[in-house]
Amino acid sequence: MALLEVDNVTKRFGGIVALDGVSFAAEPGEIVGLIGPNGAGKTTAFNVITRLYTPDEGDVRFEGKSLLGTSPSGVIRTGIARTFQNVELFRGMSVLDNVRVGAHARHGEQTPEDVLFYVNLHSLRHRPASGLPYGTQKRVELARALASAPRLLLLDEPAGGLSHEEVEQLGVFLKQLRADFELTILLVEHHMGLVMSVANRVHVLDFGEKIAEGTPREVQANPAVIGAYLGAPK
C-alpha cells in the first residue's frame, strides 16, 4: 500500500483551478519528485496534503486513512512534516528552540540536539534564527521537520539559493537522509539536475493538471513535459 495517496484532488480559488483532478502516490522509502512551471500547483498540492487547504474534490490518504478530517497539527502527529518554499521560522527564537518546536509536535528517538548535530548546526544552536544566512535558515527548518520524527517529509524547493556545488552535496545528503531516518520524501524542486539524480519517480504538473509521470528518464523524454517545462535538449 502506498504511504501517501493524492486521489483526484481539485482545488479552486474563485475562478482559478489550482489543481484539477490530480492524483499521485508515494511508496514507502521512495523519493518522489513533483515538478512543473511556476503556478503549476505544486505548493498547492503540499498545502492540501498538510491540511492548510481543503480540496473541493478528491481525497488525501496517509497509510490508507483519509487526512481530510485532520487538522494541520494533527497531520504532523500522524508522521508528516514539511519545509516551505519561503522559510517559515520563529525568527525571535534560537535555532535550538525552533527545532524543539518540531520535537514538541511529535517525539522521536532523536533529540533536537541530535538532529542539529546531524545537519551540522549544533554550534549555532543558541544563535537567533533571524540572523542566519538564508541557506542556513533552510537547514534549521529541515532540522525542525526531522525533529518531529516524520515518516513522510515534504521538501519545497530545498535547493533555492544554493550554489552548483551545494546542490550536488544536497543530492547526496537527501539520499543519506532517506536511509538514516527511514523516510519517504516528496520533493518539489526547480533544479532538474537534483530531481533527476535523486528521485525514484517524478510527477509533472502544468496549469493544475498532471501531464506526466514516470522514472526520471521517462519524464525527461516525454514530449508533453519537454514542451511545457523542460525544453528540448541542446
Protein backbone atom coordinates (compact mmCIF):
# COMPACT_ATOMS: atom_id res chain seq x y z
CA MET A 1 0.00 0.00 0.00
CA ALA A 2 1.23 3.48 -0.86
CA LEU A 3 2.25 5.58 2.12
CA LEU A 4 0.70 8.71 0.59
CA GLU A 5 -2.14 8.84 -1.93
CA VAL A 6 -3.40 12.05 -3.51
CA ASP A 7 -6.62 10.90 -5.19
CA ASN A 8 -8.32 13.01 -7.87
CA VAL A 9 -7.83 16.25 -5.94
CA THR A 10 -9.30 19.50 -7.23
CA LYS A 11 -8.71 22.85 -5.54
CA ARG A 12 -10.22 26.11 -6.73
CA PHE A 13 -9.60 29.69 -5.67
CA GLY A 14 -12.57 31.59 -7.03
CA GLY A 15 -12.43 31.08 -10.79
CA ILE A 16 -8.88 29.77 -10.73
CA VAL A 17 -8.41 25.99 -10.74
CA ALA A 18 -5.12 25.43 -8.94
CA LEU A 19 -5.40 21.63 -9.01
CA ASP A 20 -7.63 19.82 -11.48
CA GLY A 21 -8.26 16.16 -10.66
CA VAL A 22 -4.64 15.50 -9.67
CA SER A 23 -3.60 12.03 -8.49
CA PHE A 24 -0.20 10.73 -7.43
CA ALA A 25 1.27 8.46 -4.77
CA ALA A 26 4.46 7.86 -2.83
CA GLU A 27 5.54 4.37 -1.81
CA PRO A 28 7.44 3.76 1.44
CA GLY A 29 11.12 4.61 1.07
CA GLU A 30 10.79 6.46 -2.23
CA ILE A 31 12.00 9.89 -3.19
CA VAL A 32 9.23 11.25 -5.40
CA GLY A 33 9.71 14.41 -7.47
CA LEU A 34 6.86 16.83 -8.11
CA ILE A 35 7.85 19.28 -10.83
CA GLY A 36 6.38 21.84 -13.20
CA PRO A 37 6.48 25.52 -14.14
CA ASN A 38 5.71 28.30 -11.67
CA GLY A 39 1.99 28.30 -10.95
CA ALA A 40 1.58 24.63 -11.87
CA GLY A 41 0.06 23.77 -8.47
CA LYS A 42 2.98 22.11 -6.69
CA THR A 43 2.89 24.13 -3.47
CA THR A 44 -0.92 24.00 -3.52
CA ALA A 45 -0.61 20.21 -3.51
CA PHE A 46 1.69 20.41 -0.48
CA ASN A 47 -0.80 22.69 1.27
CA VAL A 48 -3.63 20.24 0.59
CA ILE A 49 -1.59 17.30 1.91
CA THR A 50 -0.69 19.18 5.11
CA ARG A 51 -4.28 20.41 5.50
CA LEU A 52 -3.58 24.12 5.12
CA TYR A 53 -6.10 23.88 2.26
CA THR A 54 -9.19 21.71 1.97
CA PRO A 55 -9.73 20.28 -1.52
CA ASP A 56 -13.01 20.93 -3.30
CA GLU A 57 -12.98 17.37 -4.60
CA GLY A 58 -10.94 14.23 -4.04
CA ASP A 59 -9.12 12.75 -1.07
CA VAL A 60 -5.67 12.56 0.51
CA ARG A 61 -4.77 9.36 2.33
CA PHE A 62 -1.82 8.53 4.55
CA GLU A 63 -1.33 4.83 5.31
CA GLY A 64 -4.75 4.24 3.77
CA LYS A 65 -6.60 6.69 6.04
CA SER A 66 -8.09 9.96 4.84
CA LEU A 67 -6.48 13.13 6.16
CA LEU A 68 -9.39 15.40 5.31
CA GLY A 69 -10.77 15.31 8.85
CA THR A 70 -7.34 16.03 10.35
CA SER A 71 -6.08 19.44 11.49
CA PRO A 72 -2.67 20.73 10.33
CA SER A 73 -1.20 19.97 13.77
CA GLY A 74 -2.80 16.53 13.63
CA VAL A 75 -1.10 15.88 10.29
CA ILE A 76 2.28 16.40 11.96
CA ARG A 77 1.34 13.95 14.69
CA THR A 78 0.50 11.30 12.07
CA GLY A 79 4.10 11.48 10.83
CA ILE A 80 4.13 14.08 8.03
CA ALA A 81 6.50 17.06 8.17
CA ARG A 82 7.41 19.75 5.65
CA THR A 83 9.61 22.66 4.78
CA PHE A 84 8.42 25.76 2.94
CA GLN A 85 9.43 27.50 -0.29
CA ASN A 86 9.87 30.69 1.73
CA VAL A 87 11.49 29.82 5.05
CA GLU A 88 8.97 29.81 7.92
CA LEU A 89 10.87 30.06 11.21
CA PHE A 90 10.18 31.65 14.57
CA ARG A 91 12.68 34.41 13.97
CA GLY A 92 12.81 35.69 17.54
CA MET A 93 13.75 32.25 18.84
CA SER A 94 17.08 30.48 18.86
CA VAL A 95 17.97 27.73 16.42
CA LEU A 96 17.57 25.12 19.16
CA ASP A 97 14.18 26.43 20.27
CA ASN A 98 12.93 26.36 16.67
CA VAL A 99 13.92 22.71 16.41
CA ARG A 100 12.33 21.97 19.78
CA VAL A 101 9.01 23.08 18.28
CA GLY A 102 9.22 20.12 15.91
CA ALA A 103 10.01 17.72 18.74
CA HIS A 104 7.10 19.11 20.75
CA ALA A 105 4.69 18.28 17.91
CA ARG A 106 5.79 14.63 17.78
CA HIS A 107 8.55 12.90 19.71
CA GLY A 108 11.10 10.62 18.08
CA GLU A 109 14.25 8.83 19.12
CA GLN A 110 16.43 11.76 18.04
CA THR A 111 16.60 14.73 20.38
CA PRO A 112 16.66 18.27 18.95
CA GLU A 113 20.39 18.42 19.75
CA ASP A 114 20.94 15.12 17.93
CA VAL A 115 19.21 16.50 14.85
CA LEU A 116 21.27 19.68 14.95
CA PHE A 117 24.44 17.62 15.04
CA TYR A 118 23.14 15.66 12.02
CA VAL A 119 22.56 18.78 9.90
CA ASN A 120 25.83 20.36 11.14
CA LEU A 121 24.19 23.23 13.02
CA HIS A 122 24.89 22.32 16.63
CA SER A 123 27.50 25.06 17.03
CA LEU A 124 24.81 27.63 16.11
CA ARG A 125 22.14 26.25 18.43
CA HIS A 126 21.96 29.33 20.66
CA ARG A 127 22.04 31.84 17.81
CA PRO A 128 18.82 33.69 16.86
CA ALA A 129 17.38 32.14 13.72
CA SER A 130 16.72 35.56 12.21
CA GLY A 131 20.40 36.47 11.98
CA LEU A 132 21.49 33.45 9.94
CA PRO A 133 22.09 33.29 6.17
CA TYR A 134 19.18 32.08 4.05
CA GLY A 135 20.72 28.70 3.27
CA THR A 136 21.40 28.09 6.97
CA GLN A 137 17.83 29.03 7.84
CA LYS A 138 16.65 26.39 5.37
CA ARG A 139 18.73 23.81 7.26
CA VAL A 140 17.16 24.95 10.55
CA GLU A 141 13.74 24.42 9.01
CA LEU A 142 14.78 20.95 7.84
CA ALA A 143 16.05 20.15 11.34
CA ARG A 144 12.73 21.24 12.82
CA ALA A 145 10.91 18.91 10.44
CA LEU A 146 13.23 16.00 11.25
CA ALA A 147 12.80 16.55 15.00
CA SER A 148 9.12 15.61 14.63
CA ALA A 149 10.18 12.07 13.60
CA PRO A 150 8.34 12.08 10.27
CA ARG A 151 7.75 9.10 8.05
CA LEU A 152 6.92 11.37 5.13
CA LEU A 153 8.97 14.52 4.53
CA LEU A 154 7.74 17.18 2.11
CA LEU A 155 10.55 19.42 0.83
CA ASP A 156 9.54 22.60 -1.02
CA GLU A 157 12.47 23.84 -3.16
CA PRO A 158 15.31 22.88 -0.78
CA ALA A 159 17.93 23.89 -3.39
CA GLY A 160 16.76 27.50 -3.57
CA GLY A 161 19.68 29.89 -3.21
CA LEU A 162 22.34 27.16 -3.29
CA SER A 163 25.43 27.11 -5.48
CA HIS A 164 26.02 24.35 -8.04
CA GLU A 165 28.41 22.59 -5.66
CA GLU A 166 25.95 22.89 -2.76
CA VAL A 167 23.17 21.41 -4.92
CA GLU A 168 25.33 18.37 -5.65
CA GLN A 169 26.03 18.00 -1.93
CA LEU A 170 22.30 18.30 -1.23
CA GLY A 171 21.56 15.40 -3.58
CA VAL A 172 23.97 13.13 -1.69
CA PHE A 173 22.56 14.37 1.60
CA LEU A 174 18.94 13.64 0.63
CA LYS A 175 19.75 10.03 -0.22
CA GLN A 176 21.59 9.62 3.07
CA LEU A 177 18.76 11.33 4.92
CA ARG A 178 16.23 8.89 3.47
CA ALA A 179 18.32 5.95 4.63
CA ASP A 180 19.27 7.26 8.08
CA PHE A 181 15.76 8.39 9.05
CA GLU A 182 13.85 5.71 7.07
CA LEU A 183 11.95 8.40 5.23
CA THR A 184 9.74 8.75 2.23
CA ILE A 185 10.44 12.12 0.59
CA LEU A 186 8.18 14.19 -1.67
CA LEU A 187 10.33 16.81 -3.38
CA VAL A 188 9.19 19.98 -5.13
CA GLU A 189 12.17 21.49 -6.90
CA HIS A 190 13.01 23.56 -9.99
CA HIS A 191 16.60 22.33 -10.11
CA MET A 192 16.14 19.48 -12.56
CA GLY A 193 19.63 18.07 -12.10
CA LEU A 194 18.84 17.48 -8.44
CA VAL A 195 15.41 15.95 -9.04
CA MET A 196 16.58 13.63 -11.78
CA SER A 197 19.59 12.45 -9.74
CA VAL A 198 17.68 11.53 -6.58
CA ALA A 199 14.06 10.72 -7.48
CA ASN A 200 12.74 7.20 -7.99
CA ARG A 201 9.65 8.59 -9.76
CA VAL A 202 8.60 12.00 -10.98
CA HIS A 203 5.14 13.56 -11.43
CA VAL A 204 4.75 16.63 -13.62
CA LEU A 205 2.10 19.33 -13.18
CA ASP A 206 1.19 22.09 -15.62
CA PHE A 207 -1.62 24.62 -15.06
CA GLY A 208 -3.00 22.47 -12.24
CA GLU A 209 -3.15 19.24 -14.25
CA LYS A 210 -0.84 16.24 -14.11
CA ILE A 211 0.63 15.83 -17.58
CA ALA A 212 3.14 13.03 -16.99
CA GLU A 213 4.62 10.56 -14.54
CA GLY A 214 7.39 8.01 -14.64
CA THR A 215 11.05 7.45 -13.96
CA PRO A 216 13.36 10.46 -14.38
CA ARG A 217 14.49 9.09 -17.75
CA GLU A 218 10.90 8.62 -18.96
CA VAL A 219 9.84 12.09 -17.84
CA GLN A 220 12.84 13.78 -19.47
CA ALA A 221 11.93 12.13 -22.78
CA ASN A 222 8.19 12.88 -22.59
CA PRO A 223 7.16 15.31 -25.38
CA ALA A 224 4.47 16.94 -23.22
CA VAL A 225 6.98 17.66 -20.45
CA ILE A 226 9.58 18.97 -22.90
CA GLY A 227 7.02 21.30 -24.42
CA ALA A 228 5.57 22.56 -21.14
CA TYR A 229 8.63 22.75 -18.94
CA LEU A 230 11.99 21.22 -19.69
CA GLY A 231 12.54 22.44 -23.23
CA ALA A 232 14.31 20.45 -25.92
CA PRO A 233 17.80 19.22 -25.04
CA LYS A 234 20.60 21.30 -26.53
